[in-house]
């Protein structure tokens, strides 16, 4: 299975978020920042920062990435950024640095141990998955993880086996305090191992279903 591929920065047509669409600002250091598109022009955006931030340095503005979700992909843009007001940024001369194809993955219910490393203090949290897919997992907790927070993870799918490692972002929570994590960085090898594990779980479920049917019919 092929991994996500980055499109060229020189592509002629740049996909932009819509007016009033929620986007994410990714600084070179620190947590992702929620924002919203106030105005959209041909190749420029006026973006409202939705949380208080410290004054932006020239280096931060130069490296700032704008990320948004389109119907079929997750797009990351970079350009010339200027501060209009304390909570208002203008992006010009935008170009795509990455287009991450959104794909549907089979999801299974499976409780597997996960070590989560969270925050600047690299706090280690032990939890377990509620369900799994090739693109992420639902964590049983903790409810202290914030939406938009980036984490590192070590997922153990087989007792005594080498953990599947990578990075992800907490994308949503439910009323039970569980956290959905979408993979951001995972190697092709680790993703193949995870998908293979999911496939084997599905096969085992089908076998059990057939055995039950045979037993009831006998």
Protein backbone atom coordinates (compact mmCIF):
# COMPACT_ATOMS: atom_id res chain seq x y z
CA UNK A 1 0.00 0.00 0.00
CA UNK A 2 1.37 3.38 -0.96
CA UNK A 3 1.87 6.03 1.65
CA UNK A 4 0.68 9.62 1.45
CA UNK A 5 2.50 11.61 -1.23
CA UNK A 6 3.39 15.27 -1.34
CA UNK A 7 2.48 17.21 -4.43
CA UNK A 8 4.95 19.65 -5.94
CA UNK A 9 5.21 23.14 -4.52
CA UNK A 10 5.22 24.49 -8.05
CA UNK A 11 1.77 23.20 -8.99
CA UNK A 12 -0.16 25.87 -10.86
CA UNK A 13 -3.48 25.57 -9.06
CA UNK A 14 -3.46 25.91 -5.28
CA UNK A 15 -6.45 24.61 -3.35
CA UNK A 16 -7.54 27.11 -0.70
CA UNK A 17 -9.95 26.81 2.22
CA UNK A 18 -13.34 28.46 1.95
CA UNK A 19 -14.37 31.68 3.64
CA UNK A 20 -15.37 31.05 7.29
CA UNK A 21 -13.75 27.59 7.21
CA UNK A 22 -11.88 26.48 10.31
CA UNK A 23 -8.16 25.91 9.72
CA UNK A 24 -5.13 25.02 11.83
CA UNK A 25 -1.94 27.07 12.09
CA UNK A 26 1.16 24.97 12.70
CA UNK A 27 4.09 26.97 14.13
CA UNK A 28 7.67 25.62 14.00
CA UNK A 29 7.43 24.97 17.76
CA UNK A 30 4.55 24.55 20.17
CA UNK A 31 0.96 23.40 19.81
CA UNK A 32 -1.24 23.77 16.70
CA UNK A 33 -3.41 26.90 16.80
CA UNK A 34 -7.09 26.96 15.73
CA UNK A 35 -8.05 29.72 13.30
CA UNK A 36 -10.75 30.71 10.81
CA UNK A 37 -10.69 32.17 7.30
CA UNK A 38 -12.11 35.71 7.40
CA UNK A 39 -11.49 36.63 3.75
CA UNK A 40 -10.34 34.72 0.69
CA UNK A 41 -8.78 36.18 -2.45
CA UNK A 42 -7.23 34.60 -5.56
CA UNK A 43 -4.04 33.48 -3.83
CA UNK A 44 -4.33 35.11 -0.42
CA UNK A 45 -6.16 34.55 2.84
CA UNK A 46 -7.02 36.72 5.81
CA UNK A 47 -7.08 34.45 8.87
CA UNK A 48 -8.45 35.12 12.36
CA UNK A 49 -6.58 33.41 15.21
CA UNK A 50 -9.16 31.97 17.59
CA UNK A 51 -7.05 31.76 20.78
CA UNK A 52 -4.71 34.25 22.47
CA UNK A 53 -1.12 34.02 21.23
CA UNK A 54 2.17 35.71 21.97
CA UNK A 55 3.53 38.24 19.44
CA UNK A 56 4.79 36.51 16.32
CA UNK A 57 8.48 36.63 15.49
CA UNK A 58 9.73 36.94 11.91
CA UNK A 59 11.11 33.39 12.07
CA UNK A 60 7.75 32.00 13.26
CA UNK A 61 5.86 33.77 10.47
CA UNK A 62 8.30 32.53 7.85
CA UNK A 63 7.91 28.89 8.95
CA UNK A 64 4.18 29.02 9.72
CA UNK A 65 2.05 26.34 8.01
CA UNK A 66 -1.68 26.58 7.39
CA UNK A 67 -3.56 23.27 7.34
CA UNK A 68 -7.15 22.59 6.34
CA UNK A 69 -9.36 19.68 5.34
CA UNK A 70 -10.97 19.56 1.90
CA UNK A 71 -13.57 16.95 0.86
CA UNK A 72 -10.91 14.49 -0.28
CA UNK A 73 -7.64 15.53 1.31
CA UNK A 74 -5.86 17.38 4.08
CA UNK A 75 -3.82 20.26 2.62
CA UNK A 76 -0.86 22.16 4.06
CA UNK A 77 0.05 25.58 2.69
CA UNK A 78 2.90 28.01 3.19
CA UNK A 79 3.41 31.55 1.95
CA UNK A 80 4.28 35.10 2.96
CA UNK A 81 2.62 35.89 6.28
CA UNK A 82 2.13 39.37 7.74
CA UNK A 83 0.44 40.47 10.96
CA UNK A 84 -2.53 42.76 10.31
CA UNK A 85 -3.66 42.89 13.94
CA UNK A 86 -2.80 40.85 17.03
CA UNK A 87 -5.31 38.15 16.05
CA UNK A 88 -5.33 38.70 12.27
CA UNK A 89 -2.80 37.24 9.82
CA UNK A 90 -2.56 37.70 6.07
CA UNK A 91 -1.23 34.82 3.94
CA UNK A 92 -0.07 35.68 0.40
CA UNK A 93 1.73 33.85 -2.45
CA UNK A 94 0.44 30.56 -1.10
CA UNK A 95 1.75 27.21 -2.31
CA UNK A 96 1.04 23.62 -1.29
CA UNK A 97 3.79 21.90 0.64
CA UNK A 98 1.81 18.71 1.15
CA UNK A 99 -1.50 17.19 0.11
CA UNK A 100 -2.41 14.22 2.29
CA UNK A 101 -4.93 11.96 0.61
CA UNK A 102 -7.82 11.05 2.88
CA UNK A 103 -8.60 7.34 2.58
CA UNK A 104 -11.18 5.17 4.22
CA UNK A 105 -9.72 2.44 6.39
CA UNK A 106 -11.40 -0.61 7.85
CA UNK A 107 -11.97 -0.07 11.57
CA UNK A 108 -12.16 -2.86 14.14
CA UNK A 109 -12.94 -2.92 17.84
CA UNK A 110 -9.77 -3.97 19.64
CA UNK A 111 -8.35 -3.17 23.08
CA UNK A 112 -4.58 -2.87 22.64
CA UNK A 113 -2.13 -1.17 25.04
CA UNK A 114 -0.78 2.23 23.99
CA UNK A 115 1.95 4.37 25.52
CA UNK A 116 1.20 8.02 24.75
CA UNK A 117 3.87 10.72 25.07
CA UNK A 118 2.20 14.10 25.41
CA UNK A 119 3.19 17.75 25.75
CA UNK A 120 6.44 19.63 26.04
CA UNK A 121 7.26 17.82 29.27
CA UNK A 122 7.02 14.51 27.37
CA UNK A 123 4.57 13.13 29.91
CA UNK A 124 4.05 9.39 29.44
CA UNK A 125 0.51 8.08 29.72
CA UNK A 126 -0.53 4.43 29.51
CA UNK A 127 -3.90 3.77 27.94
CA UNK A 128 -5.52 1.35 25.51
CA UNK A 129 -7.40 1.52 22.23
CA UNK A 130 -11.16 1.11 21.89
CA UNK A 131 -10.93 0.65 18.14
CA UNK A 132 -8.22 0.65 15.46
CA UNK A 133 -7.82 1.51 11.79
CA UNK A 134 -4.95 2.08 9.39
CA UNK A 135 -5.40 5.83 9.83
CA UNK A 136 -5.75 6.17 13.60
CA UNK A 137 -7.37 4.86 16.77
CA UNK A 138 -9.84 5.71 19.49
CA UNK A 139 -8.22 5.93 22.92
CA UNK A 140 -10.00 5.04 26.14
CA UNK A 141 -8.38 8.14 27.66
CA UNK A 142 -7.12 10.21 29.26
CA UNK A 143 -9.57 13.08 29.03
CA UNK A 144 -6.70 15.50 29.76
CA UNK A 145 -5.55 15.26 26.11
CA UNK A 146 -6.65 18.40 24.27
CA UNK A 147 -8.22 18.59 20.83
CA UNK A 148 -5.49 19.55 18.37
CA UNK A 149 -2.73 18.23 20.64
CA UNK A 150 0.05 16.30 18.92
CA UNK A 151 1.26 13.12 20.55
CA UNK A 152 3.78 10.36 20.06
CA UNK A 153 2.55 6.80 20.53
CA UNK A 154 3.76 3.24 20.96
CA UNK A 155 1.01 0.78 20.09
CA UNK A 156 1.45 -2.88 20.99
CA UNK A 157 -0.64 -5.16 18.78
CA UNK A 158 0.98 -8.47 19.79
CA UNK A 159 2.16 -9.42 23.31
CA UNK A 160 5.95 -9.24 23.41
CA UNK A 161 6.09 -7.79 19.89
CA UNK A 162 7.85 -4.62 18.78
CA UNK A 163 5.46 -1.67 19.26
CA UNK A 164 4.12 0.27 16.28
CA UNK A 165 5.35 3.83 16.75
CA UNK A 166 4.45 7.17 15.22
CA UNK A 167 2.91 10.57 15.84
CA UNK A 168 -0.70 11.68 15.73
CA UNK A 169 -3.12 14.48 16.48
CA UNK A 170 -6.12 14.35 18.82
CA UNK A 171 -8.97 15.26 16.46
CA UNK A 172 -12.10 14.81 18.60
CA UNK A 173 -13.55 13.49 21.85
CA UNK A 174 -16.82 11.90 22.88
CA UNK A 175 -19.06 12.20 25.95
CA UNK A 176 -17.16 9.36 27.62
CA UNK A 177 -13.88 11.28 27.53
CA UNK A 178 -12.39 9.04 24.85
CA UNK A 179 -10.00 10.62 22.36
CA UNK A 180 -9.80 9.96 18.61
CA UNK A 181 -6.25 10.17 17.25
CA UNK A 182 -5.45 10.61 13.55
CA UNK A 183 -2.00 9.49 12.44
CA UNK A 184 0.34 12.25 11.31
CA UNK A 185 3.64 10.41 11.03
CA UNK A 186 3.85 6.64 10.64
CA UNK A 187 6.29 4.67 8.50
CA UNK A 188 5.06 2.49 5.64
CA UNK A 189 6.38 -0.56 7.45
CA UNK A 190 4.52 0.23 10.67
CA UNK A 191 1.33 1.03 8.79
CA UNK A 192 1.56 -2.25 6.87
CA UNK A 193 2.02 -4.13 10.16
CA UNK A 194 -1.07 -2.45 11.60
CA UNK A 195 -3.22 -3.12 8.54
CA UNK A 196 -2.04 -6.73 8.50
CA UNK A 197 -3.02 -7.07 12.18
CA UNK A 198 -6.46 -5.61 11.43
CA UNK A 199 -6.88 -8.00 8.50
CA UNK A 200 -5.95 -10.99 10.67
CA UNK A 201 -8.46 -9.88 13.33
CA UNK A 202 -11.17 -9.73 10.68
CA UNK A 203 -10.28 -13.20 9.41
CA UNK A 204 -10.39 -14.59 12.96
CA UNK A 205 -13.83 -13.02 13.49
CA UNK A 206 -15.13 -14.57 10.27
CA UNK A 207 -13.75 -17.97 11.27
CA UNK A 208 -15.45 -17.74 14.66
CA UNK A 209 -18.69 -16.77 12.94
CA UNK A 210 -18.50 -19.79 10.62
CA UNK A 211 -17.74 -22.13 13.53
CA UNK A 212 -20.76 -20.82 15.45
CA UNK A 213 -22.97 -21.30 12.42
CA UNK A 214 -21.72 -24.86 11.98
CA UNK A 215 -22.32 -25.60 15.66
CA UNK A 216 -25.89 -24.30 15.55
CA UNK A 217 -26.58 -26.25 12.40
CA UNK A 218 -25.28 -29.54 13.84
